[in-house]
Amino acid sequence: PEDFIAITGPSGSGKSTLLDLISNLSSPTSGTIEIFGKEMS
């Protein structure tokens, strides 16, 4: 909470994809994302 995170890297490194995964606009092939202590599922 209260972090200010900059996601950096060259084009094609997956910055926008990561934001989509965190926003639940896209689903990961594998692995988990938790928000507020609960998995996205």
ModelCIF file with pLDDT and N, C-alpha, C, O atoms, coordinates in Angstrom:
data_MODEL
#
_entry.id   MODEL 
#
_entity.id                         1 
_entity.type                       polymer 
_entity.pdbx_number_of_molecules   1 
#
_entity_poly.entity_id                      1 
_entity_poly.type                           'polypeptide(L)' 
_entity_poly.nstd_linkage                   no 
_entity_poly.nstd_monomer                   no 
_entity_poly.pdbx_seq_one_letter_code       PEDFIAITGPSGSGKSTLLDLISNLSSPTSGTIEIFGKEMS 
_entity_poly.pdbx_seq_one_letter_code_can   PEDFIAITGPSGSGKSTLLDLISNLSSPTSGTIEIFGKEMS 
_entity_poly.pdbx_strand_id                 A 
#
loop_
_entity_poly_seq.entity_id 
_entity_poly_seq.num 
_entity_poly_seq.mon_id 
_entity_poly_seq.hetero 
1 1  PRO n 
1 2  GLU n 
1 3  ASP n 
1 4  PHE n 
1 5  ILE n 
1 6  ALA n 
1 7  ILE n 
1 8  THR n 
1 9  GLY n 
1 10 PRO n 
1 11 SER n 
1 12 GLY n 
1 13 SER n 
1 14 GLY n 
1 15 LYS n 
1 16 SER n 
1 17 THR n 
1 18 LEU n 
1 19 LEU n 
1 20 ASP n 
1 21 LEU n 
1 22 ILE n 
1 23 SER n 
1 24 ASN n 
1 25 LEU n 
1 26 SER n 
1 27 SER n 
1 28 PRO n 
1 29 THR n 
1 30 SER n 
1 31 GLY n 
1 32 THR n 
1 33 ILE n 
1 34 GLU n 
1 35 ILE n 
1 36 PHE n 
1 37 GLY n 
1 38 LYS n 
1 39 GLU n 
1 40 MET n 
1 41 SER n 
#
_struct_asym.id          A 
_struct_asym.entity_id   1 
#
loop_
_ma_qa_metric.id 
_ma_qa_metric.mode 
_ma_qa_metric.name 
_ma_qa_metric.software_group_id 
_ma_qa_metric.type 
1 global pLDDT . pLDDT 
2 local  pLDDT . pLDDT 
#
_ma_qa_metric_global.metric_id      1 
_ma_qa_metric_global.metric_value   92.02 
_ma_qa_metric_global.model_id       1 
_ma_qa_metric_global.ordinal_id     1 
#
loop_
_ma_qa_metric_local.label_asym_id 
_ma_qa_metric_local.label_comp_id 
_ma_qa_metric_local.label_seq_id 
_ma_qa_metric_local.metric_id 
_ma_qa_metric_local.metric_value 
_ma_qa_metric_local.model_id 
_ma_qa_metric_local.ordinal_id 
A PRO 1  2 95.00 1 1  
A GLU 2  2 96.00 1 2  
A ASP 3  2 97.00 1 3  
A PHE 4  2 97.00 1 4  
A ILE 5  2 96.00 1 5  
A ALA 6  2 96.00 1 6  
A ILE 7  2 96.00 1 7  
A THR 8  2 93.00 1 8  
A GLY 9  2 91.00 1 9  
A PRO 10 2 89.00 1 10 
A SER 11 2 86.00 1 11 
A GLY 12 2 84.00 1 12 
A SER 13 2 89.00 1 13 
A GLY 14 2 92.00 1 14 
A LYS 15 2 93.00 1 15 
A SER 16 2 92.00 1 16 
A THR 17 2 93.00 1 17 
A LEU 18 2 94.00 1 18 
A LEU 19 2 94.00 1 19 
A ASP 20 2 92.00 1 20 
A LEU 21 2 93.00 1 21 
A ILE 22 2 92.00 1 22 
A SER 23 2 90.00 1 23 
A ASN 24 2 88.00 1 24 
A LEU 25 2 87.00 1 25 
A SER 26 2 89.00 1 26 
A SER 27 2 90.00 1 27 
A PRO 28 2 92.00 1 28 
A THR 29 2 92.00 1 29 
A SER 30 2 94.00 1 30 
A GLY 31 2 94.00 1 31 
A THR 32 2 93.00 1 32 
A ILE 33 2 94.00 1 33 
A GLU 34 2 94.00 1 34 
A ILE 35 2 94.00 1 35 
A PHE 36 2 93.00 1 36 
A GLY 37 2 91.00 1 37 
A LYS 38 2 91.00 1 38 
A GLU 39 2 91.00 1 39 
A MET 40 2 89.00 1 40 
A SER 41 2 87.00 1 41 
#
loop_
_atom_site.group_PDB 
_atom_site.id 
_atom_site.type_symbol 
_atom_site.label_atom_id 
_atom_site.label_alt_id 
_atom_site.label_comp_id 
_atom_site.label_asym_id 
_atom_site.label_entity_id 
_atom_site.label_seq_id 
_atom_site.pdbx_PDB_ins_code 
_atom_site.Cartn_x 
_atom_site.Cartn_y 
_atom_site.Cartn_z 
_atom_site.occupancy 
_atom_site.B_iso_or_equiv 
_atom_site.pdbx_formal_charge 
_atom_site.auth_seq_id 
_atom_site.auth_comp_id 
_atom_site.auth_asym_id 
_atom_site.auth_atom_id 
_atom_site.pdbx_PDB_model_num 
ATOM 1   N N  . PRO A 1 1  ? 0.826   -1.206  0.000   1.00 95.00 ? 1  PRO A N  1 
ATOM 2   C CA . PRO A 1 1  ? 0.000   0.000   0.000   1.00 95.00 ? 1  PRO A CA 1 
ATOM 3   C C  . PRO A 1 1  ? 0.863   1.260   0.000   1.00 95.00 ? 1  PRO A C  1 
ATOM 4   O O  . PRO A 1 1  ? 1.872   1.334   0.702   1.00 95.00 ? 1  PRO A O  1 
ATOM 5   N N  . GLU A 1 2  ? 0.455   2.242   -0.791  1.00 96.00 ? 2  GLU A N  1 
ATOM 6   C CA . GLU A 1 2  ? 1.111   3.547   -0.904  1.00 96.00 ? 2  GLU A CA 1 
ATOM 7   C C  . GLU A 1 2  ? 2.423   3.517   -1.677  1.00 96.00 ? 2  GLU A C  1 
ATOM 8   O O  . GLU A 1 2  ? 3.148   4.512   -1.701  1.00 96.00 ? 2  GLU A O  1 
ATOM 9   N N  . ASP A 1 3  ? 2.738   2.387   -2.309  1.00 97.00 ? 3  ASP A N  1 
ATOM 10  C CA . ASP A 1 3  ? 3.895   2.348   -3.196  1.00 97.00 ? 3  ASP A CA 1 
ATOM 11  C C  . ASP A 1 3  ? 3.647   3.195   -4.433  1.00 97.00 ? 3  ASP A C  1 
ATOM 12  O O  . ASP A 1 3  ? 2.504   3.401   -4.841  1.00 97.00 ? 3  ASP A O  1 
ATOM 13  N N  . PHE A 1 4  ? 4.719   3.678   -5.018  1.00 97.00 ? 4  PHE A N  1 
ATOM 14  C CA . PHE A 1 4  ? 4.691   4.332   -6.327  1.00 97.00 ? 4  PHE A CA 1 
ATOM 15  C C  . PHE A 1 4  ? 5.731   3.579   -7.151  1.00 97.00 ? 4  PHE A C  1 
ATOM 16  O O  . PHE A 1 4  ? 6.929   3.840   -7.041  1.00 97.00 ? 4  PHE A O  1 
ATOM 17  N N  . ILE A 1 5  ? 5.265   2.643   -7.975  1.00 96.00 ? 5  ILE A N  1 
ATOM 18  C CA . ILE A 1 5  ? 6.132   1.720   -8.707  1.00 96.00 ? 5  ILE A CA 1 
ATOM 19  C C  . ILE A 1 5  ? 6.235   2.124   -10.165 1.00 96.00 ? 5  ILE A C  1 
ATOM 20  O O  . ILE A 1 5  ? 5.220   2.325   -10.833 1.00 96.00 ? 5  ILE A O  1 
ATOM 21  N N  . ALA A 1 6  ? 7.462   2.245   -10.662 1.00 96.00 ? 6  ALA A N  1 
ATOM 22  C CA . ALA A 1 6  ? 7.680   2.440   -12.088 1.00 96.00 ? 6  ALA A CA 1 
ATOM 23  C C  . ALA A 1 6  ? 8.111   1.108   -12.691 1.00 96.00 ? 6  ALA A C  1 
ATOM 24  O O  . ALA A 1 6  ? 9.104   0.521   -12.262 1.00 96.00 ? 6  ALA A O  1 
ATOM 25  N N  . ILE A 1 7  ? 7.369   0.636   -13.679 1.00 96.00 ? 7  ILE A N  1 
ATOM 26  C CA . ILE A 1 7  ? 7.736   -0.582  -14.395 1.00 96.00 ? 7  ILE A CA 1 
ATOM 27  C C  . ILE A 1 7  ? 8.469   -0.158  -15.658 1.00 96.00 ? 7  ILE A C  1 
ATOM 28  O O  . ILE A 1 7  ? 7.904   0.515   -16.519 1.00 96.00 ? 7  ILE A O  1 
ATOM 29  N N  . THR A 1 8  ? 9.719   -0.555  -15.759 1.00 93.00 ? 8  THR A N  1 
ATOM 30  C CA . THR A 1 8  ? 10.547  -0.111  -16.877 1.00 93.00 ? 8  THR A CA 1 
ATOM 31  C C  . THR A 1 8  ? 11.065  -1.312  -17.668 1.00 93.00 ? 8  THR A C  1 
ATOM 32  O O  . THR A 1 8  ? 10.941  -2.462  -17.249 1.00 93.00 ? 8  THR A O  1 
ATOM 33  N N  . GLY A 1 9  ? 11.644  -1.004  -18.814 1.00 91.00 ? 9  GLY A N  1 
ATOM 34  C CA . GLY A 1 9  ? 12.200  -2.045  -19.661 1.00 91.00 ? 9  GLY A CA 1 
ATOM 35  C C  . GLY A 1 9  ? 11.997  -1.698  -21.115 1.00 91.00 ? 9  GLY A C  1 
ATOM 36  O O  . GLY A 1 9  ? 11.176  -0.837  -21.433 1.00 91.00 ? 9  GLY A O  1 
ATOM 37  N N  . PRO A 1 10 ? 12.721  -2.344  -22.003 1.00 89.00 ? 10 PRO A N  1 
ATOM 38  C CA . PRO A 1 10 ? 12.608  -2.045  -23.434 1.00 89.00 ? 10 PRO A CA 1 
ATOM 39  C C  . PRO A 1 10 ? 11.253  -2.454  -23.995 1.00 89.00 ? 10 PRO A C  1 
ATOM 40  O O  . PRO A 1 10 ? 10.518  -3.219  -23.370 1.00 89.00 ? 10 PRO A O  1 
ATOM 41  N N  . SER A 1 11 ? 10.931  -1.942  -25.168 1.00 86.00 ? 11 SER A N  1 
ATOM 42  C CA . SER A 1 11 ? 9.684   -2.322  -25.839 1.00 86.00 ? 11 SER A CA 1 
ATOM 43  C C  . SER A 1 11 ? 9.667   -3.832  -26.051 1.00 86.00 ? 11 SER A C  1 
ATOM 44  O O  . SER A 1 11 ? 10.664  -4.428  -26.459 1.00 86.00 ? 11 SER A O  1 
ATOM 45  N N  . GLY A 1 12 ? 8.517   -4.438  -25.767 1.00 84.00 ? 12 GLY A N  1 
ATOM 46  C CA . GLY A 1 12 ? 8.383   -5.880  -25.929 1.00 84.00 ? 12 GLY A CA 1 
ATOM 47  C C  . GLY A 1 12 ? 8.772   -6.683  -24.709 1.00 84.00 ? 12 GLY A C  1 
ATOM 48  O O  . GLY A 1 12 ? 8.713   -7.913  -24.730 1.00 84.00 ? 12 GLY A O  1 
ATOM 49  N N  . SER A 1 13 ? 9.174   -5.996  -23.633 1.00 89.00 ? 13 SER A N  1 
ATOM 50  C CA . SER A 1 13 ? 9.595   -6.723  -22.426 1.00 89.00 ? 13 SER A CA 1 
ATOM 51  C C  . SER A 1 13 ? 8.423   -7.159  -21.566 1.00 89.00 ? 13 SER A C  1 
ATOM 52  O O  . SER A 1 13 ? 8.591   -7.952  -20.640 1.00 89.00 ? 13 SER A O  1 
ATOM 53  N N  . GLY A 1 14 ? 7.222   -6.641  -21.868 1.00 92.00 ? 14 GLY A N  1 
ATOM 54  C CA . GLY A 1 14 ? 6.033   -7.122  -21.157 1.00 92.00 ? 14 GLY A CA 1 
ATOM 55  C C  . GLY A 1 14 ? 5.448   -6.159  -20.150 1.00 92.00 ? 14 GLY A C  1 
ATOM 56  O O  . GLY A 1 14 ? 4.713   -6.576  -19.255 1.00 92.00 ? 14 GLY A O  1 
ATOM 57  N N  . LYS A 1 15 ? 5.757   -4.873  -20.277 1.00 93.00 ? 15 LYS A N  1 
ATOM 58  C CA . LYS A 1 15 ? 5.235   -3.887  -19.307 1.00 93.00 ? 15 LYS A CA 1 
ATOM 59  C C  . LYS A 1 15 ? 3.705   -3.797  -19.383 1.00 93.00 ? 15 LYS A C  1 
ATOM 60  O O  . LYS A 1 15 ? 3.019   -3.923  -18.368 1.00 93.00 ? 15 LYS A O  1 
ATOM 61  N N  . SER A 1 16 ? 3.181   -3.578  -20.591 1.00 92.00 ? 16 SER A N  1 
ATOM 62  C CA . SER A 1 16 ? 1.728   -3.440  -20.745 1.00 92.00 ? 16 SER A CA 1 
ATOM 63  C C  . SER A 1 16 ? 1.009   -4.734  -20.399 1.00 92.00 ? 16 SER A C  1 
ATOM 64  O O  . SER A 1 16 ? -0.078  -4.711  -19.822 1.00 92.00 ? 16 SER A O  1 
ATOM 65  N N  . THR A 1 17 ? 1.609   -5.848  -20.746 1.00 93.00 ? 17 THR A N  1 
ATOM 66  C CA . THR A 1 17 ? 1.007   -7.147  -20.421 1.00 93.00 ? 17 THR A CA 1 
ATOM 67  C C  . THR A 1 17 ? 0.891   -7.326  -18.922 1.00 93.00 ? 17 THR A C  1 
ATOM 68  O O  . THR A 1 17 ? -0.125  -7.819  -18.431 1.00 93.00 ? 17 THR A O  1 
ATOM 69  N N  . LEU A 1 18 ? 1.932   -6.928  -18.181 1.00 94.00 ? 18 LEU A N  1 
ATOM 70  C CA . LEU A 1 18 ? 1.885   -7.050  -16.725 1.00 94.00 ? 18 LEU A CA 1 
ATOM 71  C C  . LEU A 1 18 ? 0.766   -6.191  -16.141 1.00 94.00 ? 18 LEU A C  1 
ATOM 72  O O  . LEU A 1 18 ? 0.059   -6.624  -15.231 1.00 94.00 ? 18 LEU A O  1 
ATOM 73  N N  . LEU A 1 19 ? 0.607   -4.983  -16.660 1.00 94.00 ? 19 LEU A N  1 
ATOM 74  C CA . LEU A 1 19 ? -0.475  -4.129  -16.173 1.00 94.00 ? 19 LEU A CA 1 
ATOM 75  C C  . LEU A 1 19 ? -1.841  -4.766  -16.459 1.00 94.00 ? 19 LEU A C  1 
ATOM 76  O O  . LEU A 1 19 ? -2.743  -4.714  -15.622 1.00 94.00 ? 19 LEU A O  1 
ATOM 77  N N  . ASP A 1 20 ? -1.982  -5.360  -17.637 1.00 92.00 ? 20 ASP A N  1 
ATOM 78  C CA . ASP A 1 20 ? -3.244  -6.029  -17.977 1.00 92.00 ? 20 ASP A CA 1 
ATOM 79  C C  . ASP A 1 20 ? -3.513  -7.207  -17.047 1.00 92.00 ? 20 ASP A C  1 
ATOM 80  O O  . ASP A 1 20 ? -4.660  -7.457  -16.676 1.00 92.00 ? 20 ASP A O  1 
ATOM 81  N N  . LEU A 1 21 ? -2.466  -7.925  -16.671 1.00 93.00 ? 21 LEU A N  1 
ATOM 82  C CA . LEU A 1 21 ? -2.624  -9.062  -15.753 1.00 93.00 ? 21 LEU A CA 1 
ATOM 83  C C  . LEU A 1 21 ? -3.043  -8.581  -14.365 1.00 93.00 ? 21 LEU A C  1 
ATOM 84  O O  . LEU A 1 21 ? -3.929  -9.166  -13.740 1.00 93.00 ? 21 LEU A O  1 
ATOM 85  N N  . ILE A 1 22 ? -2.408  -7.524  -13.893 1.00 92.00 ? 22 ILE A N  1 
ATOM 86  C CA . ILE A 1 22 ? -2.754  -6.983  -12.573 1.00 92.00 ? 22 ILE A CA 1 
ATOM 87  C C  . ILE A 1 22 ? -4.166  -6.405  -12.580 1.00 92.00 ? 22 ILE A C  1 
ATOM 88  O O  . ILE A 1 22 ? -4.886  -6.490  -11.586 1.00 92.00 ? 22 ILE A O  1 
ATOM 89  N N  . SER A 1 23 ? -4.556  -5.813  -13.719 1.00 90.00 ? 23 SER A N  1 
ATOM 90  C CA . SER A 1 23 ? -5.889  -5.210  -13.844 1.00 90.00 ? 23 SER A CA 1 
ATOM 91  C C  . SER A 1 23 ? -6.973  -6.247  -14.090 1.00 90.00 ? 23 SER A C  1 
ATOM 92  O O  . SER A 1 23 ? -8.160  -5.920  -14.104 1.00 90.00 ? 23 SER A O  1 
ATOM 93  N N  . ASN A 1 24 ? -6.565  -7.504  -14.286 1.00 88.00 ? 24 ASN A N  1 
ATOM 94  C CA . ASN A 1 24 ? -7.493  -8.591  -14.615 1.00 88.00 ? 24 ASN A CA 1 
ATOM 95  C C  . ASN A 1 24 ? -8.140  -8.391  -15.982 1.00 88.00 ? 24 ASN A C  1 
ATOM 96  O O  . ASN A 1 24 ? -9.257  -8.850  -16.224 1.00 88.00 ? 24 ASN A O  1 
ATOM 97  N N  . LEU A 1 25 ? -7.434  -7.707  -16.866 1.00 87.00 ? 25 LEU A N  1 
ATOM 98  C CA . LEU A 1 25 ? -7.892  -7.567  -18.248 1.00 87.00 ? 25 LEU A CA 1 
ATOM 99  C C  . LEU A 1 25 ? -7.352  -8.694  -19.115 1.00 87.00 ? 25 LEU A C  1 
ATOM 100 O O  . LEU A 1 25 ? -7.759  -8.862  -20.265 1.00 87.00 ? 25 LEU A O  1 
ATOM 101 N N  . SER A 1 26 ? -6.433  -9.461  -18.548 1.00 89.00 ? 26 SER A N  1 
ATOM 102 C CA . SER A 1 26 ? -5.854  -10.618 -19.219 1.00 89.00 ? 26 SER A CA 1 
ATOM 103 C C  . SER A 1 26 ? -5.535  -11.656 -18.154 1.00 89.00 ? 26 SER A C  1 
ATOM 104 O O  . SER A 1 26 ? -5.355  -11.326 -16.982 1.00 89.00 ? 26 SER A O  1 
ATOM 105 N N  . SER A 1 27 ? -5.467  -12.912 -18.575 1.00 90.00 ? 27 SER A N  1 
ATOM 106 C CA . SER A 1 27 ? -5.202  -13.995 -17.623 1.00 90.00 ? 27 SER A CA 1 
ATOM 107 C C  . SER A 1 27 ? -3.820  -14.590 -17.876 1.00 90.00 ? 27 SER A C  1 
ATOM 108 O O  . SER A 1 27 ? -3.411  -14.737 -19.028 1.00 90.00 ? 27 SER A O  1 
ATOM 109 N N  . PRO A 1 28 ? -3.100  -14.934 -16.810 1.00 92.00 ? 28 PRO A N  1 
ATOM 110 C CA . PRO A 1 28 ? -1.766  -15.528 -16.994 1.00 92.00 ? 28 PRO A CA 1 
ATOM 111 C C  . PRO A 1 28 ? -1.856  -16.960 -17.501 1.00 92.00 ? 28 PRO A C  1 
ATOM 112 O O  . PRO A 1 28 ? -2.858  -17.646 -17.295 1.00 92.00 ? 28 PRO A O  1 
ATOM 113 N N  . THR A 1 29 ? -0.810  -17.393 -18.159 1.00 92.00 ? 29 THR A N  1 
ATOM 114 C CA . THR A 1 29 ? -0.727  -18.791 -18.575 1.00 92.00 ? 29 THR A CA 1 
ATOM 115 C C  . THR A 1 29 ? -0.500  -19.675 -17.358 1.00 92.00 ? 29 THR A C  1 
ATOM 116 O O  . THR A 1 29 ? -1.028  -20.784 -17.273 1.00 92.00 ? 29 THR A O  1 
ATOM 117 N N  . SER A 1 30 ? 0.296   -19.166 -16.414 1.00 94.00 ? 30 SER A N  1 
ATOM 118 C CA . SER A 1 30 ? 0.532   -19.881 -15.160 1.00 94.00 ? 30 SER A CA 1 
ATOM 119 C C  . SER A 1 30 ? 0.972   -18.874 -14.103 1.00 94.00 ? 30 SER A C  1 
ATOM 120 O O  . SER A 1 30 ? 1.304   -17.730 -14.413 1.00 94.00 ? 30 SER A O  1 
ATOM 121 N N  . GLY A 1 31 ? 0.969   -19.318 -12.863 1.00 94.00 ? 31 GLY A N  1 
ATOM 122 C CA . GLY A 1 31 ? 1.321   -18.429 -11.756 1.00 94.00 ? 31 GLY A CA 1 
ATOM 123 C C  . GLY A 1 31 ? 0.095   -17.793 -11.138 1.00 94.00 ? 31 GLY A C  1 
ATOM 124 O O  . GLY A 1 31 ? -1.027  -18.010 -11.593 1.00 94.00 ? 31 GLY A O  1 
ATOM 125 N N  . THR A 1 32 ? 0.314   -17.013 -10.107 1.00 93.00 ? 32 THR A N  1 
ATOM 126 C CA . THR A 1 32 ? -0.798  -16.419 -9.364  1.00 93.00 ? 32 THR A CA 1 
ATOM 127 C C  . THR A 1 32 ? -0.592  -14.924 -9.145  1.00 93.00 ? 32 THR A C  1 
ATOM 128 O O  . THR A 1 32 ? 0.530   -14.426 -9.057  1.00 93.00 ? 32 THR A O  1 
ATOM 129 N N  . ILE A 1 33 ? -1.728  -14.230 -9.061  1.00 94.00 ? 33 ILE A N  1 
ATOM 130 C CA . ILE A 1 33 ? -1.740  -12.822 -8.680  1.00 94.00 ? 33 ILE A CA 1 
ATOM 131 C C  . ILE A 1 33 ? -2.711  -12.680 -7.514  1.00 94.00 ? 33 ILE A C  1 
ATOM 132 O O  . ILE A 1 33 ? -3.848  -13.146 -7.584  1.00 94.00 ? 33 ILE A O  1 
ATOM 133 N N  . GLU A 1 34 ? -2.259  -12.041 -6.451  1.00 94.00 ? 34 GLU A N  1 
ATOM 134 C CA . GLU A 1 34 ? -3.126  -11.756 -5.310  1.00 94.00 ? 34 GLU A CA 1 
ATOM 135 C C  . GLU A 1 34 ? -3.342  -10.254 -5.199  1.00 94.00 ? 34 GLU A C  1 
ATOM 136 O O  . GLU A 1 34 ? -2.400  -9.472  -5.328  1.00 94.00 ? 34 GLU A O  1 
ATOM 137 N N  . ILE A 1 35 ? -4.580  -9.858  -4.962  1.00 94.00 ? 35 ILE A N  1 
ATOM 138 C CA . ILE A 1 35 ? -4.910  -8.464  -4.680  1.00 94.00 ? 35 ILE A CA 1 
ATOM 139 C C  . ILE A 1 35 ? -5.753  -8.433  -3.412  1.00 94.00 ? 35 ILE A C  1 
ATOM 140 O O  . ILE A 1 35 ? -6.748  -9.150  -3.305  1.00 94.00 ? 35 ILE A O  1 
ATOM 141 N N  . PHE A 1 36 ? -5.362  -7.615  -2.468  1.00 93.00 ? 36 PHE A N  1 
ATOM 142 C CA . PHE A 1 36 ? -6.038  -7.529  -1.171  1.00 93.00 ? 36 PHE A CA 1 
ATOM 143 C C  . PHE A 1 36 ? -6.124  -8.897  -0.501  1.00 93.00 ? 36 PHE A C  1 
ATOM 144 O O  . PHE A 1 36 ? -7.115  -9.220  0.154   1.00 93.00 ? 36 PHE A O  1 
ATOM 145 N N  . GLY A 1 37 ? -5.063  -9.700  -0.677  1.00 91.00 ? 37 GLY A N  1 
ATOM 146 C CA . GLY A 1 37 ? -4.970  -10.973 0.009   1.00 91.00 ? 37 GLY A CA 1 
ATOM 147 C C  . GLY A 1 37 ? -5.734  -12.120 -0.618  1.00 91.00 ? 37 GLY A C  1 
ATOM 148 O O  . GLY A 1 37 ? -5.779  -13.212 -0.052  1.00 91.00 ? 37 GLY A O  1 
ATOM 149 N N  . LYS A 1 38 ? -6.336  -11.894 -1.775  1.00 91.00 ? 38 LYS A N  1 
ATOM 150 C CA . LYS A 1 38 ? -7.104  -12.951 -2.431  1.00 91.00 ? 38 LYS A CA 1 
ATOM 151 C C  . LYS A 1 38 ? -6.611  -13.136 -3.867  1.00 91.00 ? 38 LYS A C  1 
ATOM 152 O O  . LYS A 1 38 ? -6.324  -12.167 -4.570  1.00 91.00 ? 38 LYS A O  1 
ATOM 153 N N  . GLU A 1 39 ? -6.519  -14.399 -4.287  1.00 91.00 ? 39 GLU A N  1 
ATOM 154 C CA . GLU A 1 39 ? -6.072  -14.671 -5.644  1.00 91.00 ? 39 GLU A CA 1 
ATOM 155 C C  . GLU A 1 39 ? -7.099  -14.157 -6.652  1.00 91.00 ? 39 GLU A C  1 
ATOM 156 O O  . GLU A 1 39 ? -8.294  -14.077 -6.369  1.00 91.00 ? 39 GLU A O  1 
ATOM 157 N N  . MET A 1 40 ? -6.593  -13.811 -7.835  1.00 89.00 ? 40 MET A N  1 
ATOM 158 C CA . MET A 1 40 ? -7.469  -13.260 -8.861  1.00 89.00 ? 40 MET A CA 1 
ATOM 159 C C  . MET A 1 40 ? -8.602  -14.225 -9.227  1.00 89.00 ? 40 MET A C  1 
ATOM 160 O O  . MET A 1 40 ? -9.691  -13.792 -9.603  1.00 89.00 ? 40 MET A O  1 
ATOM 161 N N  . SER A 1 41 ? -8.344  -15.525 -9.115  1.00 87.00 ? 41 SER A N  1 
ATOM 162 C CA . SER A 1 41 ? -9.371  -16.513 -9.430  1.00 87.00 ? 41 SER A CA 1 
ATOM 163 C C  . SER A 1 41 ? -10.598 -16.348 -8.544  1.00 87.00 ? 41 SER A C  1 
ATOM 164 O O  . SER A 1 41 ? -11.562 -17.101 -8.676  1.00 87.00 ? 41 SER A O  1 
#
